[in-house]
Amino acid sequence: MSPENLKIAWSSELSVGLPRLDEQHKNIIDAFSKLLLAVDEARVDSEIVSDTLTELTRHACEHFREEESLLEQVAYPGIEEHRKDHQEFQERIVQYCVATSIGVPSVPGELLAYLHDWLKRHVLELDMKYKPFLVHGKEFDL
């Protein structure tokens, strides 16, 4: 799949109804877009690809911490499934980082396809499951 076909644009369909989490999702999508450009313009083992992947991972990990804290506060019953998906993402990204650092040629395509599919599935399926818990007037502290 070409990088052009992997682009993700923010839309209201991706909103979980909480501006702070939506903004974090936008940051992750923006970092993914930068990674698409970096991979398209550079070698797999280049510093720009590595730096951009690091930025995406930083945004994702910050978001995961806040999201999990919020889900605890609203006693979301699917929190363990959510945590597990976050953990699997982090483990997979570490594997891609290692493969990137040693210049494995298949990494760019695999990484971009994985991130694209993971972002869409995670936000549109898993995150949307907790949306009703956030929009029913629960008070929480982020």
N, C-alpha and C. Protein backbone atom coordinates (compact mmCIF):
# COMPACT_ATOMS: atom_id res chain seq x y z
N MET A 1 0.85 -1.18 0.00
CA MET A 1 0.00 0.00 0.00
C MET A 1 0.89 1.24 0.00
N SER A 2 0.59 2.19 -0.86
CA SER A 2 1.42 3.39 -0.96
C SER A 2 1.12 4.33 0.21
N PRO A 3 2.12 5.17 0.57
CA PRO A 3 1.90 6.12 1.66
C PRO A 3 0.67 7.01 1.43
N GLU A 4 0.39 7.32 0.18
CA GLU A 4 -0.78 8.16 -0.14
C GLU A 4 -2.08 7.50 0.33
N ASN A 5 -2.15 6.19 0.20
CA ASN A 5 -3.36 5.45 0.60
C ASN A 5 -3.46 5.24 2.10
N LEU A 6 -2.40 5.56 2.83
CA LEU A 6 -2.38 5.34 4.27
C LEU A 6 -2.74 6.59 5.07
N LYS A 7 -2.90 7.70 4.40
CA LYS A 7 -3.19 8.95 5.12
C LYS A 7 -4.47 8.83 5.93
N ILE A 8 -4.43 9.45 7.10
CA ILE A 8 -5.61 9.51 7.97
C ILE A 8 -5.88 10.99 8.23
N ALA A 9 -7.08 11.42 7.95
CA ALA A 9 -7.47 12.80 8.21
C ALA A 9 -8.40 12.83 9.41
N TRP A 10 -8.19 13.81 10.28
CA TRP A 10 -9.07 13.97 11.42
C TRP A 10 -10.47 14.29 10.95
N SER A 11 -11.47 13.70 11.58
CA SER A 11 -12.86 14.01 11.30
C SER A 11 -13.66 13.81 12.57
N SER A 12 -14.88 14.30 12.58
CA SER A 12 -15.72 14.15 13.76
C SER A 12 -16.00 12.68 14.06
N GLU A 13 -15.90 11.83 13.07
CA GLU A 13 -16.09 10.39 13.25
C GLU A 13 -15.07 9.83 14.25
N LEU A 14 -13.92 10.48 14.39
CA LEU A 14 -12.86 10.02 15.29
C LEU A 14 -12.97 10.64 16.69
N SER A 15 -13.91 11.54 16.89
CA SER A 15 -14.04 12.23 18.17
C SER A 15 -14.62 11.30 19.25
N VAL A 16 -13.98 11.34 20.43
CA VAL A 16 -14.51 10.58 21.56
C VAL A 16 -15.33 11.47 22.49
N GLY A 17 -15.50 12.72 22.11
CA GLY A 17 -16.36 13.62 22.87
C GLY A 17 -15.68 14.36 24.01
N LEU A 18 -14.38 14.21 24.13
CA LEU A 18 -13.63 14.92 25.16
C LEU A 18 -12.49 15.66 24.46
N PRO A 19 -12.53 17.00 24.47
CA PRO A 19 -11.55 17.78 23.70
C PRO A 19 -10.09 17.40 23.97
N ARG A 20 -9.75 17.13 25.21
CA ARG A 20 -8.35 16.81 25.51
C ARG A 20 -7.92 15.51 24.82
N LEU A 21 -8.74 14.49 24.88
CA LEU A 21 -8.40 13.23 24.21
C LEU A 21 -8.44 13.39 22.69
N ASP A 22 -9.40 14.16 22.19
CA ASP A 22 -9.46 14.40 20.75
C ASP A 22 -8.18 15.11 20.28
N GLU A 23 -7.71 16.08 21.05
CA GLU A 23 -6.49 16.80 20.69
C GLU A 23 -5.29 15.85 20.69
N GLN A 24 -5.25 14.95 21.64
CA GLN A 24 -4.16 13.96 21.66
C GLN A 24 -4.23 13.04 20.45
N HIS A 25 -5.43 12.62 20.09
CA HIS A 25 -5.59 11.80 18.89
C HIS A 25 -5.10 12.57 17.66
N LYS A 26 -5.43 13.85 17.58
CA LYS A 26 -4.97 14.68 16.46
C LYS A 26 -3.45 14.72 16.42
N ASN A 27 -2.81 14.86 17.58
CA ASN A 27 -1.34 14.90 17.64
C ASN A 27 -0.74 13.58 17.15
N ILE A 28 -1.35 12.48 17.52
CA ILE A 28 -0.86 11.17 17.08
C ILE A 28 -1.03 11.04 15.56
N ILE A 29 -2.16 11.47 15.04
CA ILE A 29 -2.40 11.41 13.60
C ILE A 29 -1.42 12.32 12.86
N ASP A 30 -1.17 13.51 13.41
CA ASP A 30 -0.19 14.42 12.80
C ASP A 30 1.21 13.79 12.77
N ALA A 31 1.60 13.16 13.87
CA ALA A 31 2.90 12.50 13.91
C ALA A 31 2.95 11.35 12.91
N PHE A 32 1.85 10.62 12.77
CA PHE A 32 1.78 9.55 11.77
C PHE A 32 1.94 10.14 10.37
N SER A 33 1.30 11.27 10.10
CA SER A 33 1.43 11.93 8.79
C SER A 33 2.87 12.33 8.51
N LYS A 34 3.55 12.84 9.54
CA LYS A 34 4.97 13.19 9.38
C LYS A 34 5.80 11.96 9.09
N LEU A 35 5.46 10.86 9.75
CA LEU A 35 6.18 9.61 9.51
C LEU A 35 5.97 9.14 8.08
N LEU A 36 4.75 9.27 7.58
CA LEU A 36 4.49 8.91 6.18
C LEU A 36 5.42 9.68 5.25
N LEU A 37 5.55 10.99 5.49
CA LEU A 37 6.43 11.82 4.67
C LEU A 37 7.89 11.44 4.86
N ALA A 38 8.29 11.20 6.09
CA ALA A 38 9.69 10.88 6.38
C ALA A 38 10.11 9.58 5.71
N VAL A 39 9.25 8.58 5.78
CA VAL A 39 9.56 7.29 5.17
C VAL A 39 9.61 7.44 3.65
N ASP A 40 8.72 8.25 3.11
CA ASP A 40 8.67 8.45 1.68
C ASP A 40 9.92 9.17 1.16
N GLU A 41 10.50 10.04 2.01
CA GLU A 41 11.60 10.87 1.58
C GLU A 41 12.97 10.39 2.03
N ALA A 42 13.06 9.37 2.86
CA ALA A 42 14.33 9.00 3.45
C ALA A 42 14.53 7.49 3.48
N ARG A 43 15.76 7.10 3.75
CA ARG A 43 16.06 5.68 3.95
C ARG A 43 15.45 5.23 5.26
N VAL A 44 15.18 3.93 5.37
CA VAL A 44 14.54 3.38 6.57
C VAL A 44 15.37 3.64 7.82
N ASP A 45 16.69 3.62 7.71
CA ASP A 45 17.53 3.78 8.90
C ASP A 45 17.95 5.22 9.12
N SER A 46 17.28 6.16 8.47
CA SER A 46 17.66 7.56 8.60
C SER A 46 17.25 8.14 9.94
N GLU A 47 17.94 9.18 10.32
CA GLU A 47 17.65 9.85 11.59
C GLU A 47 16.26 10.48 11.59
N ILE A 48 15.83 11.02 10.46
CA ILE A 48 14.51 11.66 10.41
C ILE A 48 13.40 10.64 10.64
N VAL A 49 13.53 9.44 10.10
CA VAL A 49 12.53 8.40 10.34
C VAL A 49 12.53 8.02 11.81
N SER A 50 13.71 7.82 12.36
CA SER A 50 13.83 7.45 13.77
C SER A 50 13.26 8.54 14.68
N ASP A 51 13.60 9.80 14.41
CA ASP A 51 13.10 10.91 15.23
C ASP A 51 11.59 11.03 15.13
N THR A 52 11.05 10.85 13.94
CA THR A 52 9.61 10.97 13.75
C THR A 52 8.86 9.82 14.43
N LEU A 53 9.41 8.63 14.35
CA LEU A 53 8.81 7.49 15.04
C LEU A 53 8.85 7.70 16.55
N THR A 54 9.94 8.28 17.04
CA THR A 54 10.06 8.60 18.47
C THR A 54 8.99 9.61 18.88
N GLU A 55 8.77 10.63 18.05
CA GLU A 55 7.74 11.64 18.34
C GLU A 55 6.35 11.00 18.40
N LEU A 56 6.05 10.16 17.44
CA LEU A 56 4.75 9.49 17.42
C LEU A 56 4.58 8.64 18.68
N THR A 57 5.62 7.93 19.04
CA THR A 57 5.56 7.05 20.21
C THR A 57 5.38 7.88 21.49
N ARG A 58 6.06 9.01 21.58
CA ARG A 58 5.92 9.89 22.75
C ARG A 58 4.48 10.38 22.89
N HIS A 59 3.90 10.86 21.79
CA HIS A 59 2.51 11.31 21.82
C HIS A 59 1.57 10.17 22.24
N ALA A 60 1.80 8.99 21.68
CA ALA A 60 0.93 7.85 21.99
C ALA A 60 1.03 7.46 23.46
N CYS A 61 2.25 7.39 23.99
CA CYS A 61 2.42 6.97 25.39
C CYS A 61 1.82 7.98 26.36
N GLU A 62 1.99 9.28 26.09
CA GLU A 62 1.36 10.30 26.93
C GLU A 62 -0.16 10.15 26.90
N HIS A 63 -0.68 9.93 25.71
CA HIS A 63 -2.12 9.74 25.55
C HIS A 63 -2.60 8.50 26.30
N PHE A 64 -1.87 7.40 26.18
CA PHE A 64 -2.27 6.16 26.84
C PHE A 64 -2.38 6.37 28.35
N ARG A 65 -1.39 7.04 28.94
CA ARG A 65 -1.42 7.27 30.40
C ARG A 65 -2.67 8.06 30.80
N GLU A 66 -2.93 9.15 30.10
CA GLU A 66 -4.09 9.98 30.44
C GLU A 66 -5.40 9.25 30.18
N GLU A 67 -5.47 8.56 29.07
CA GLU A 67 -6.70 7.85 28.73
C GLU A 67 -6.99 6.76 29.76
N GLU A 68 -5.99 5.99 30.13
CA GLU A 68 -6.19 4.93 31.12
C GLU A 68 -6.58 5.51 32.48
N SER A 69 -5.98 6.62 32.86
CA SER A 69 -6.35 7.28 34.11
C SER A 69 -7.82 7.71 34.08
N LEU A 70 -8.23 8.29 32.98
CA LEU A 70 -9.61 8.71 32.82
C LEU A 70 -10.57 7.51 32.88
N LEU A 71 -10.20 6.44 32.21
CA LEU A 71 -11.06 5.25 32.20
C LEU A 71 -11.19 4.64 33.59
N GLU A 72 -10.12 4.74 34.37
CA GLU A 72 -10.21 4.29 35.77
C GLU A 72 -11.20 5.16 36.54
N GLN A 73 -11.13 6.47 36.32
CA GLN A 73 -12.00 7.40 37.05
C GLN A 73 -13.48 7.19 36.75
N VAL A 74 -13.79 6.80 35.53
CA VAL A 74 -15.20 6.59 35.18
C VAL A 74 -15.60 5.13 35.34
N ALA A 75 -14.70 4.32 35.92
CA ALA A 75 -14.94 2.90 36.16
C ALA A 75 -15.36 2.17 34.88
N TYR A 76 -14.64 2.44 33.82
CA TYR A 76 -14.95 1.83 32.53
C TYR A 76 -14.69 0.33 32.60
N PRO A 77 -15.69 -0.50 32.32
CA PRO A 77 -15.53 -1.95 32.48
C PRO A 77 -14.58 -2.60 31.46
N GLY A 78 -14.29 -1.92 30.36
CA GLY A 78 -13.41 -2.49 29.34
C GLY A 78 -11.98 -2.02 29.45
N ILE A 79 -11.59 -1.51 30.63
CA ILE A 79 -10.27 -0.91 30.77
C ILE A 79 -9.14 -1.92 30.55
N GLU A 80 -9.30 -3.15 30.98
CA GLU A 80 -8.22 -4.13 30.82
C GLU A 80 -7.97 -4.44 29.34
N GLU A 81 -9.04 -4.58 28.57
CA GLU A 81 -8.89 -4.79 27.12
C GLU A 81 -8.15 -3.60 26.50
N HIS A 82 -8.50 -2.40 26.96
CA HIS A 82 -7.89 -1.19 26.44
C HIS A 82 -6.40 -1.14 26.79
N ARG A 83 -6.08 -1.43 28.04
CA ARG A 83 -4.68 -1.45 28.47
C ARG A 83 -3.87 -2.47 27.66
N LYS A 84 -4.47 -3.62 27.45
CA LYS A 84 -3.78 -4.68 26.71
C LYS A 84 -3.47 -4.20 25.29
N ASP A 85 -4.40 -3.53 24.65
CA ASP A 85 -4.16 -3.03 23.30
C ASP A 85 -3.05 -1.98 23.30
N HIS A 86 -3.04 -1.11 24.30
CA HIS A 86 -1.96 -0.12 24.41
C HIS A 86 -0.61 -0.82 24.59
N GLN A 87 -0.56 -1.82 25.44
CA GLN A 87 0.68 -2.55 25.70
C GLN A 87 1.18 -3.25 24.43
N GLU A 88 0.27 -3.89 23.72
CA GLU A 88 0.65 -4.57 22.48
C GLU A 88 1.20 -3.58 21.46
N PHE A 89 0.59 -2.39 21.39
CA PHE A 89 1.09 -1.34 20.50
C PHE A 89 2.52 -0.97 20.88
N GLN A 90 2.75 -0.73 22.16
CA GLN A 90 4.08 -0.33 22.60
C GLN A 90 5.13 -1.41 22.30
N GLU A 91 4.78 -2.66 22.53
CA GLU A 91 5.71 -3.75 22.24
C GLU A 91 6.02 -3.84 20.75
N ARG A 92 5.00 -3.69 19.94
CA ARG A 92 5.20 -3.76 18.49
C ARG A 92 6.07 -2.61 18.00
N ILE A 93 5.86 -1.41 18.55
CA ILE A 93 6.65 -0.26 18.12
C ILE A 93 8.11 -0.44 18.51
N VAL A 94 8.37 -1.01 19.67
CA VAL A 94 9.76 -1.30 20.06
C VAL A 94 10.39 -2.23 19.03
N GLN A 95 9.66 -3.24 18.61
CA GLN A 95 10.19 -4.16 17.59
C GLN A 95 10.51 -3.42 16.29
N TYR A 96 9.63 -2.53 15.89
CA TYR A 96 9.88 -1.75 14.67
C TYR A 96 11.06 -0.80 14.85
N CYS A 97 11.20 -0.22 16.02
CA CYS A 97 12.33 0.68 16.28
C CYS A 97 13.65 -0.08 16.14
N VAL A 98 13.71 -1.26 16.69
CA VAL A 98 14.92 -2.08 16.59
C VAL A 98 15.19 -2.42 15.12
N ALA A 99 14.17 -2.86 14.42
CA ALA A 99 14.32 -3.21 13.02
C ALA A 99 14.73 -1.99 12.18
N THR A 100 14.20 -0.82 12.52
CA THR A 100 14.57 0.41 11.82
C THR A 100 16.03 0.73 12.05
N SER A 101 16.48 0.58 13.29
CA SER A 101 17.86 0.93 13.62
C SER A 101 18.88 0.06 12.91
N ILE A 102 18.49 -1.16 12.54
CA ILE A 102 19.42 -2.03 11.82
C ILE A 102 19.13 -2.06 10.31
N GLY A 103 18.17 -1.24 9.88
CA GLY A 103 17.92 -1.07 8.45
C GLY A 103 17.21 -2.20 7.75
N VAL A 104 16.34 -2.91 8.45
CA VAL A 104 15.58 -3.99 7.82
C VAL A 104 14.72 -3.38 6.70
N PRO A 105 14.91 -3.82 5.46
CA PRO A 105 14.25 -3.17 4.32
C PRO A 105 12.73 -3.24 4.30
N SER A 106 12.14 -4.24 4.92
CA SER A 106 10.67 -4.37 4.88
C SER A 106 9.97 -3.50 5.92
N VAL A 107 10.73 -2.87 6.80
CA VAL A 107 10.13 -2.12 7.91
C VAL A 107 9.24 -0.97 7.46
N PRO A 108 9.65 -0.11 6.56
CA PRO A 108 8.78 1.04 6.27
C PRO A 108 7.36 0.65 5.90
N GLY A 109 7.20 -0.25 4.95
CA GLY A 109 5.85 -0.65 4.53
C GLY A 109 5.07 -1.32 5.63
N GLU A 110 5.73 -2.24 6.35
CA GLU A 110 5.05 -2.95 7.44
C GLU A 110 4.66 -1.99 8.56
N LEU A 111 5.58 -1.11 8.93
CA LEU A 111 5.33 -0.16 10.01
C LEU A 111 4.17 0.76 9.67
N LEU A 112 4.19 1.33 8.48
CA LEU A 112 3.14 2.27 8.10
C LEU A 112 1.78 1.58 8.02
N ALA A 113 1.75 0.38 7.46
CA ALA A 113 0.49 -0.36 7.37
C ALA A 113 -0.02 -0.70 8.77
N TYR A 114 0.89 -1.14 9.65
CA TYR A 114 0.49 -1.47 11.02
C TYR A 114 -0.08 -0.23 11.73
N LEU A 115 0.64 0.89 11.68
CA LEU A 115 0.18 2.10 12.36
C LEU A 115 -1.17 2.57 11.82
N HIS A 116 -1.31 2.56 10.52
CA HIS A 116 -2.57 2.97 9.90
C HIS A 116 -3.72 2.11 10.41
N ASP A 117 -3.53 0.80 10.31
CA ASP A 117 -4.59 -0.13 10.73
C ASP A 117 -4.86 -0.03 12.22
N TRP A 118 -3.80 0.07 13.02
CA TRP A 118 -3.96 0.14 14.47
C TRP A 118 -4.70 1.42 14.86
N LEU A 119 -4.28 2.56 14.32
CA LEU A 119 -4.92 3.82 14.68
C LEU A 119 -6.41 3.80 14.35
N LYS A 120 -6.73 3.38 13.15
CA LYS A 120 -8.15 3.37 12.77
C LYS A 120 -8.94 2.39 13.63
N ARG A 121 -8.42 1.19 13.81
CA ARG A 121 -9.14 0.18 14.61
C ARG A 121 -9.25 0.64 16.05
N HIS A 122 -8.16 1.11 16.62
CA HIS A 122 -8.16 1.46 18.03
C HIS A 122 -9.16 2.61 18.30
N VAL A 123 -9.07 3.67 17.51
CA VAL A 123 -9.94 4.82 17.77
C VAL A 123 -11.39 4.50 17.40
N LEU A 124 -11.61 3.93 16.23
CA LEU A 124 -12.98 3.73 15.76
C LEU A 124 -13.70 2.58 16.46
N GLU A 125 -12.96 1.62 16.99
CA GLU A 125 -13.61 0.50 17.67
C GLU A 125 -13.45 0.59 19.19
N LEU A 126 -12.21 0.49 19.67
CA LEU A 126 -12.01 0.44 21.13
C LEU A 126 -12.36 1.76 21.81
N ASP A 127 -11.87 2.88 21.27
CA ASP A 127 -12.16 4.16 21.93
C ASP A 127 -13.65 4.49 21.88
N MET A 128 -14.31 4.14 20.82
CA MET A 128 -15.74 4.44 20.72
C MET A 128 -16.56 3.64 21.74
N LYS A 129 -16.02 2.53 22.22
CA LYS A 129 -16.72 1.76 23.25
C LYS A 129 -16.79 2.54 24.56
N TYR A 130 -15.78 3.37 24.85
CA TYR A 130 -15.83 4.12 26.12
C TYR A 130 -16.52 5.47 25.98
N LYS A 131 -16.79 5.91 24.78
CA LYS A 131 -17.40 7.22 24.56
C LYS A 131 -18.68 7.43 25.37
N PRO A 132 -19.60 6.46 25.43
CA PRO A 132 -20.82 6.68 26.23
C PRO A 132 -20.53 6.94 27.71
N PHE A 133 -19.44 6.41 28.22
CA PHE A 133 -19.09 6.62 29.62
C PHE A 133 -18.63 8.06 29.85
N LEU A 134 -18.13 8.71 28.82
CA LEU A 134 -17.63 10.07 28.95
C LEU A 134 -18.72 11.11 28.72
N VAL A 135 -19.67 10.80 27.89
CA VAL A 135 -20.65 11.81 27.49
C VAL A 135 -21.91 11.83 28.36
N HIS A 136 -21.95 10.98 29.34
CA HIS A 136 -23.13 10.95 30.22
C HIS A 136 -22.93 11.75 31.50
N GLY A 137 -22.18 12.85 31.37
CA GLY A 137 -22.09 13.79 32.47
C GLY A 137 -21.20 13.37 33.62
N LYS A 138 -20.36 12.39 33.44
CA LYS A 138 -19.44 11.99 34.50
C LYS A 138 -18.40 13.09 34.71
N GLU A 139 -18.05 13.33 35.95
CA GLU A 139 -16.98 14.29 36.26
C GLU A 139 -15.70 13.52 36.46
N PHE A 140 -14.62 14.03 35.93
CA PHE A 140 -13.34 13.39 36.08
C PHE A 140 -12.26 14.45 36.06
N ASP A 141 -11.08 14.04 36.48
CA ASP A 141 -9.98 14.98 36.63
C ASP A 141 -8.78 14.48 35.82
N LEU A 142 -8.41 15.24 34.80
CA LEU A 142 -7.23 14.88 34.02
C LEU A 142 -6.08 15.78 34.38
